Amino acid sequence: MGVPVVDLGDTTALVSALSTVGFVAVRGHGVPDADLSAMRGLLVDLFAVGEEAKARQSVSRDDYRGFIPLRAFSPNRAGEDPPDAFEGYKLHWECPTDHPVRAECALYGSNRWADHLPEMASVVGSWWAAMDCLADRLVDSLADSLGLNGLNGLDGQTMAATRAAPLTNVTLLHYPRRRPDDLTPGFHPHKDITVVTILDPDPAGGLEVRSREGSWMEAECPEGALLVNVGDLLEVWSGGRLVSTPHRVTNPVGVDRYSAPFFVVPNHRVVVEPLLEPVAGFRPRSVPVGAVTAEVWRTNWPDEAPSDPTTHLGTVDA
C-alpha cells in the first residue's frame, strides 16, 4: 500500500490512513501556493552561500539555531553509522522576548536569520503562520474524531492549548547531489518525536516510508498536496491508534534535494501519556516534552551519547 491521498475535510479517511500507513498526502490543506513557492526558492538561495559564512552562523551547543554543517550529525550509535549526507539550517518557534517561558526553558529564544537573505524572516514567518494554521486544523480534527480533546490527561484542555508556547521547529535541508558510488544515507531511518510533521516534498523524491511488513516504499505525493505523518507524541496520546512510522531519505543520484519538514511539538511542560486505553501490542509510555526535546538537541553532537541506552530518540534499525 502506498501513501493514501486524502482531502483534509475527510476526517474518516484521514484517521484510517494515519492508523495504518502513518503517512498521508493531504489535499485542501489551505497553505497558499505563494508561501510554498517562496520557501522553495529560499531553500536554494540559503545554501548557495560560501562555507565561511555558514561557519560564522552555525549552530552551537548553546544555541541550536543556524547552519548545520554537511555530514555533521549521525544516529550516535557507538560509531556504527556514517554521518547523514545533508546540511541544514535550524529554526524554532520565534519566542517573544518578554514571554515568561524564556526564563523556564533554555530551548526558547530568538532565531538567527542568514546574513545574505534579508527577506528570510519575512518569507519564513508567512510560511510558518500558514503551516501552523494547517497544524491546528489537522490536529484538532484528529483529536475530535478520536475523542481526545478535554480528557483528564489534558487537564480539560483542547490539544491546541498544549501548543500555546510550542517547541515547534523546522530544519531547512539541503541534500547535495550524490555520486553513484556514494552509498551514504541522506537521512538515517528514524521516527519523528512530534505530534505531526508536515512536509512539502521535493519533486526529486528520495523520502521513503517503511511498511508494516518491513519493506521500504517511496512516499509519493501528488502536486499540490502536502505530506503529513504521525509523530511519536500523537501515537502515545492516541494509545497507539495513530501510528508513528519509520522513514528515511535516500539521496537521488545527480540532483540536489531540498526540504523543510515542519515539526509540530507542544509546550516544554507538557508530559505526553496515553489518553485512551492502549490498543493491543502498544507499549504505553510517558514522554516529558521539554526533557526529550533537549536530549534530541544534545545528542545531535557526535561525541554525545543518549542518557537512556534503550533508546536512540527516534533512530530505528534500517
Protein backbone atom coordinates (compact mmCIF):
# COMPACT_ATOMS: atom_id res chain seq x y z
CA MET A 1 0.00 0.00 0.00
CA GLY A 2 1.32 3.46 -0.94
CA VAL A 3 0.76 6.74 0.84
CA PRO A 4 -3.01 7.49 0.72
CA VAL A 5 -4.19 10.78 -0.80
CA VAL A 6 -6.93 12.38 1.33
CA ASP A 7 -8.77 15.70 1.48
CA LEU A 8 -8.25 17.50 4.78
CA GLY A 9 -12.02 17.62 5.34
CA ASP A 10 -12.41 13.84 5.09
CA THR A 11 -11.65 13.01 8.72
CA THR A 12 -12.67 9.37 8.45
CA ALA A 13 -10.20 8.73 5.60
CA LEU A 14 -7.56 10.79 7.39
CA VAL A 15 -7.82 8.70 10.57
CA SER A 16 -7.83 5.48 8.55
CA ALA A 17 -4.64 6.43 6.69
CA LEU A 18 -2.82 7.56 9.82
CA SER A 19 -3.90 4.40 11.66
CA THR A 20 -2.36 2.13 9.04
CA VAL A 21 0.36 3.76 6.94
CA GLY A 22 1.05 6.63 9.34
CA PHE A 23 1.62 8.94 6.36
CA VAL A 24 -0.92 10.75 4.21
CA ALA A 25 -0.82 13.16 1.27
CA VAL A 26 -3.27 15.94 2.17
CA ARG A 27 -5.22 17.95 -0.39
CA GLY A 28 -7.22 21.05 0.52
CA HIS A 29 -4.63 21.99 3.13
CA GLY A 30 -5.05 25.74 2.73
CA VAL A 31 -1.35 26.67 2.70
CA PRO A 32 -1.05 29.34 -0.04
CA ASP A 33 0.95 28.39 -3.14
CA ALA A 34 2.80 31.71 -2.78
CA ASP A 35 4.17 30.68 0.62
CA LEU A 36 5.22 27.23 -0.60
CA SER A 37 6.89 28.67 -3.72
CA ALA A 38 8.70 31.37 -1.74
CA MET A 39 10.03 28.79 0.70
CA ARG A 40 11.27 26.52 -2.12
CA GLY A 41 13.21 29.44 -3.59
CA LEU A 42 14.59 30.42 -0.20
CA LEU A 43 15.96 26.92 0.39
CA VAL A 44 18.07 27.07 -2.77
CA ASP A 45 19.35 30.59 -2.02
CA LEU A 46 20.05 29.79 1.64
CA PHE A 47 22.62 27.09 0.92
CA ALA A 48 24.22 28.88 -2.07
CA VAL A 49 26.44 30.91 0.28
CA GLY A 50 30.13 30.15 0.98
CA GLU A 51 31.41 27.90 3.72
CA GLU A 52 32.91 30.79 5.71
CA ALA A 53 29.50 32.42 6.06
CA LYS A 54 27.94 29.11 7.06
CA ALA A 55 30.60 28.51 9.71
CA ARG A 56 30.12 32.01 11.13
CA GLN A 57 26.38 31.41 11.54
CA SER A 58 26.42 27.75 12.59
CA VAL A 59 24.54 26.04 15.40
CA SER A 60 26.33 25.62 18.71
CA ARG A 61 25.83 23.54 21.83
CA ASP A 62 24.37 26.63 23.50
CA ASP A 63 22.09 27.70 20.66
CA TYR A 64 20.67 25.18 18.21
CA ARG A 65 19.75 27.81 15.62
CA GLY A 66 21.59 28.46 12.36
CA PHE A 67 23.56 26.41 9.84
CA ILE A 68 24.20 22.69 10.44
CA PRO A 69 27.43 21.65 8.65
CA LEU A 70 27.34 18.99 5.95
CA ARG A 71 27.61 15.45 7.38
CA ALA A 72 27.85 16.84 10.92
CA PHE A 73 25.27 14.57 12.58
CA SER A 74 24.85 10.82 12.81
CA PRO A 75 22.49 8.42 14.64
CA ASN A 76 25.00 8.28 17.54
CA ARG A 77 25.12 4.52 17.95
CA ALA A 78 28.70 3.90 19.08
CA GLY A 79 30.16 4.86 15.71
CA GLU A 80 28.39 2.13 13.76
CA ASP A 81 26.57 4.52 11.41
CA PRO A 82 28.04 7.00 8.90
CA PRO A 83 27.00 10.67 9.22
CA ASP A 84 23.94 11.69 7.24
CA ALA A 85 24.63 13.38 3.89
CA PHE A 86 22.77 16.63 4.45
CA GLU A 87 23.44 20.19 5.53
CA GLY A 88 20.77 22.20 7.29
CA TYR A 89 19.58 25.37 8.94
CA LYS A 90 17.70 25.12 12.22
CA LEU A 91 14.79 27.37 13.21
CA HIS A 92 12.44 27.25 16.19
CA TRP A 93 9.21 28.96 17.21
CA GLU A 94 10.05 32.66 17.47
CA CYS A 95 9.52 33.19 21.19
CA PRO A 96 8.61 36.80 22.12
CA THR A 97 11.38 38.47 24.09
CA ASP A 98 9.08 39.20 27.04
CA HIS A 99 7.43 35.75 27.17
CA PRO A 100 7.74 34.11 30.62
CA VAL A 101 8.74 30.71 29.15
CA ARG A 102 12.12 32.19 28.25
CA ALA A 103 13.01 32.05 31.94
CA GLU A 104 11.67 28.49 32.29
CA CYS A 105 13.41 26.66 29.46
CA ALA A 106 16.62 27.24 27.51
CA LEU A 107 15.03 25.82 24.37
CA TYR A 108 13.07 29.05 23.85
CA GLY A 109 14.67 32.05 22.19
CA SER A 110 15.03 34.15 19.03
CA ASN A 111 16.00 32.78 15.66
CA ARG A 112 19.16 33.67 13.76
CA TRP A 113 18.49 34.84 10.20
CA ALA A 114 21.08 34.28 7.47
CA ASP A 115 23.12 37.41 6.68
CA HIS A 116 22.79 37.10 2.91
CA LEU A 117 18.99 36.76 2.85
CA PRO A 118 17.31 39.94 4.16
CA GLU A 119 13.93 38.52 3.16
CA MET A 120 14.38 35.31 5.16
CA ALA A 121 12.47 36.33 8.30
CA SER A 122 9.51 37.57 6.25
CA VAL A 123 9.35 34.52 3.95
CA VAL A 124 9.70 32.04 6.82
CA GLY A 125 7.26 33.99 9.01
CA SER A 126 4.47 33.92 6.42
CA TRP A 127 5.08 30.24 5.60
CA TRP A 128 5.29 29.32 9.31
CA ALA A 129 1.96 31.01 10.08
CA ALA A 130 0.27 29.09 7.27
CA MET A 131 1.79 25.78 8.38
CA ASP A 132 0.77 26.48 11.98
CA CYS A 133 -2.79 27.11 10.85
CA LEU A 134 -2.81 23.79 8.98
CA ALA A 135 -1.37 22.01 12.03
CA ASP A 136 -4.13 23.43 14.24
CA ARG A 137 -6.86 22.31 11.85
CA LEU A 138 -5.31 18.90 11.32
CA VAL A 139 -4.55 18.03 14.95
CA ASP A 140 -7.86 19.35 16.29
CA SER A 141 -9.75 17.40 13.64
CA LEU A 142 -7.94 14.20 14.60
CA ALA A 143 -8.42 14.91 18.31
CA ASP A 144 -12.16 15.49 17.87
CA SER A 145 -12.51 12.33 15.81
CA LEU A 146 -10.71 10.23 18.45
CA GLY A 147 -12.37 11.99 21.40
CA LEU A 148 -9.10 13.32 22.83
CA ASN A 149 -10.00 16.96 23.48
CA GLY A 150 -10.89 17.78 27.09
CA LEU A 151 -9.78 14.48 28.61
CA ASN A 152 -8.24 14.40 32.07
CA GLY A 153 -4.76 13.87 30.71
CA LEU A 154 -5.00 17.28 29.07
CA ASP A 155 -6.40 18.91 32.24
CA GLY A 156 -9.67 19.55 30.47
CA GLN A 157 -7.97 21.48 27.66
CA THR A 158 -8.04 21.02 23.92
CA MET A 159 -5.00 19.74 22.06
CA ALA A 160 -4.44 23.26 20.71
CA ALA A 161 -3.85 24.53 24.26
CA THR A 162 -0.78 22.28 24.56
CA ARG A 163 0.88 24.42 21.86
CA ALA A 164 0.41 27.89 23.37
CA ALA A 165 4.22 28.23 23.69
CA PRO A 166 5.33 25.38 21.43
CA LEU A 167 8.66 23.74 20.83
CA THR A 168 7.63 23.50 17.18
CA ASN A 169 10.68 23.71 14.93
CA VAL A 170 11.84 23.25 11.35
CA THR A 171 15.06 22.03 9.77
CA LEU A 172 15.73 23.58 6.37
CA LEU A 173 17.58 20.83 4.50
CA HIS A 174 19.88 20.53 1.51
CA TYR A 175 20.96 17.10 0.30
CA PRO A 176 23.80 17.71 -2.21
CA ARG A 177 23.75 15.65 -5.38
CA ARG A 178 25.09 12.16 -4.82
CA ARG A 179 27.64 10.23 -6.88
CA PRO A 180 26.58 6.69 -7.90
CA ASP A 181 29.34 5.19 -5.74
CA ASP A 182 28.33 7.12 -2.59
CA LEU A 183 26.04 4.91 -0.51
CA THR A 184 25.84 7.27 2.48
CA PRO A 185 22.21 7.76 3.58
CA GLY A 186 20.68 11.18 3.12
CA PHE A 187 18.97 10.73 6.47
CA HIS A 188 19.07 7.53 8.51
CA PRO A 189 15.88 5.56 9.32
CA HIS A 190 14.01 7.25 12.16
CA LYS A 191 10.65 8.22 13.61
CA ASP A 192 9.69 11.80 14.47
CA ILE A 193 9.32 12.84 18.11
CA THR A 194 6.48 15.22 17.22
CA VAL A 195 2.70 15.46 17.28
CA VAL A 196 2.68 15.57 13.48
CA THR A 197 5.21 16.54 10.83
CA ILE A 198 4.18 18.43 7.68
CA LEU A 199 6.28 18.49 4.50
CA ASP A 200 6.14 19.99 1.05
CA PRO A 201 8.16 17.21 -0.67
CA ASP A 202 10.86 17.87 -3.25
CA PRO A 203 9.83 16.51 -6.68
CA ALA A 204 13.29 14.86 -6.82
CA GLY A 205 11.93 12.21 -4.45
CA GLY A 206 14.03 10.19 -2.06
CA LEU A 207 11.75 10.11 1.00
CA GLU A 208 10.89 6.51 1.83
CA VAL A 209 8.42 5.03 4.32
CA ARG A 210 8.66 1.62 5.95
CA SER A 211 5.57 -0.54 5.51
CA ARG A 212 4.09 -2.63 8.30
CA GLU A 213 5.72 -5.65 6.61
CA GLY A 214 9.17 -4.04 6.80
CA SER A 215 9.74 -3.08 3.16
CA TRP A 216 10.60 0.47 2.06
CA MET A 217 8.43 2.41 -0.39
CA GLU A 218 8.67 5.84 -1.96
CA ALA A 219 6.47 8.43 -0.22
CA GLU A 220 4.79 9.66 -3.37
CA CYS A 221 2.77 12.88 -3.13
CA PRO A 222 0.75 14.44 -5.96
CA GLU A 223 1.39 18.03 -6.99
CA GLY A 224 -0.49 20.48 -4.79
CA ALA A 225 -0.70 18.12 -1.78
CA LEU A 226 1.41 18.11 1.39
CA LEU A 227 2.75 15.06 3.21
CA VAL A 228 1.72 14.59 6.83
CA ASN A 229 2.98 11.92 9.19
CA VAL A 230 2.15 10.98 12.77
CA GLY A 231 4.91 11.54 15.32
CA ASP A 232 5.61 9.57 18.49
CA LEU A 233 3.75 12.07 20.69
CA LEU A 234 0.42 11.70 18.87
CA GLU A 235 0.90 7.94 18.74
CA VAL A 236 1.26 7.89 22.54
CA TRP A 237 -1.66 10.27 23.11
CA SER A 238 -3.87 8.06 20.93
CA GLY A 239 -2.85 4.88 22.75
CA GLY A 240 -1.30 3.54 19.55
CA ARG A 241 -4.33 4.11 17.32
CA LEU A 242 -2.41 6.51 15.10
CA VAL A 243 0.99 5.13 14.14
CA SER A 244 4.40 6.80 14.04
CA THR A 245 6.10 5.23 11.03
CA PRO A 246 9.85 4.88 10.34
CA HIS A 247 11.10 6.80 7.32
CA ARG A 248 14.41 7.72 5.71
CA VAL A 249 15.92 9.75 2.88
CA THR A 250 17.91 8.13 0.08
CA ASN A 251 19.55 10.88 -1.95
CA PRO A 252 18.79 10.62 -5.66
CA VAL A 253 21.87 10.40 -7.90
CA GLY A 254 22.95 13.59 -9.67
CA VAL A 255 20.36 16.04 -8.31
CA ASP A 256 20.21 18.35 -5.31
CA ARG A 257 17.31 17.79 -2.93
CA TYR A 258 15.74 20.40 -0.64
CA SER A 259 13.07 20.14 2.04
CA ALA A 260 11.69 21.93 5.10
CA PRO A 261 9.94 19.48 7.46
CA PHE A 262 7.69 21.34 9.93
CA PHE A 263 7.86 19.56 13.28
CA VAL A 264 4.80 20.27 15.44
CA VAL A 265 5.74 19.94 19.14
CA PRO A 266 3.84 21.00 22.31
CA ASN A 267 4.92 23.27 25.17
CA HIS A 268 8.01 22.19 27.12
CA ARG A 269 5.97 21.49 30.30
CA VAL A 270 3.63 19.00 28.60
CA VAL A 271 4.02 15.36 29.60
CA VAL A 272 2.53 13.12 26.91
CA GLU A 273 0.82 9.93 28.12
CA PRO A 274 -1.92 7.75 26.60
CA LEU A 275 -5.31 9.48 26.76
CA LEU A 276 -7.13 6.39 25.53
CA GLU A 277 -6.86 2.74 26.53
CA PRO A 278 -3.83 1.46 24.59
CA VAL A 279 -4.56 -0.87 21.70
CA ALA A 280 -3.26 -4.43 21.80
CA GLY A 281 0.50 -4.59 21.37
CA PHE A 282 1.14 -0.91 22.10
CA ARG A 283 3.54 -0.24 24.97
CA PRO A 284 2.37 2.79 27.00
CA ARG A 285 5.00 5.33 27.98
CA SER A 286 5.33 8.83 29.40
CA VAL A 287 7.16 11.49 27.36
CA PRO A 288 8.23 14.75 29.08
CA VAL A 289 8.34 17.01 26.03
CA GLY A 290 10.90 19.56 27.23
CA ALA A 291 13.36 16.97 28.56
CA VAL A 292 13.15 14.77 25.48
CA THR A 293 13.49 17.72 23.08
CA ALA A 294 16.57 18.92 24.95
CA GLU A 295 18.02 15.41 24.75
CA VAL A 296 17.43 15.32 20.99
CA TRP A 297 19.31 18.63 20.72
CA ARG A 298 22.19 17.44 22.93
CA THR A 299 22.69 14.08 21.25
CA ASN A 300 22.88 15.56 17.76
CA TRP A 301 26.56 16.19 18.58
CA PRO A 302 28.67 13.18 17.53
CA ASP A 303 30.50 12.98 20.86
CA GLU A 304 27.33 12.83 22.96
CA ALA A 305 25.65 9.52 23.84
CA PRO A 306 21.96 9.18 24.78
CA SER A 307 21.44 9.12 28.55
CA ASP A 308 18.93 6.29 28.12
CA PRO A 309 20.75 3.32 26.48
CA THR A 310 17.44 1.70 25.49
CA THR A 311 16.50 4.45 23.02
CA HIS A 312 18.16 6.48 20.32
CA LEU A 313 15.47 9.17 20.25
CA GLY A 314 13.75 8.27 17.02
CA THR A 315 16.52 6.27 15.35
CA VAL A 316 15.42 2.84 14.17
CA ASP A 317 17.21 -0.06 12.51
CA ALA A 318 17.26 0.02 8.72
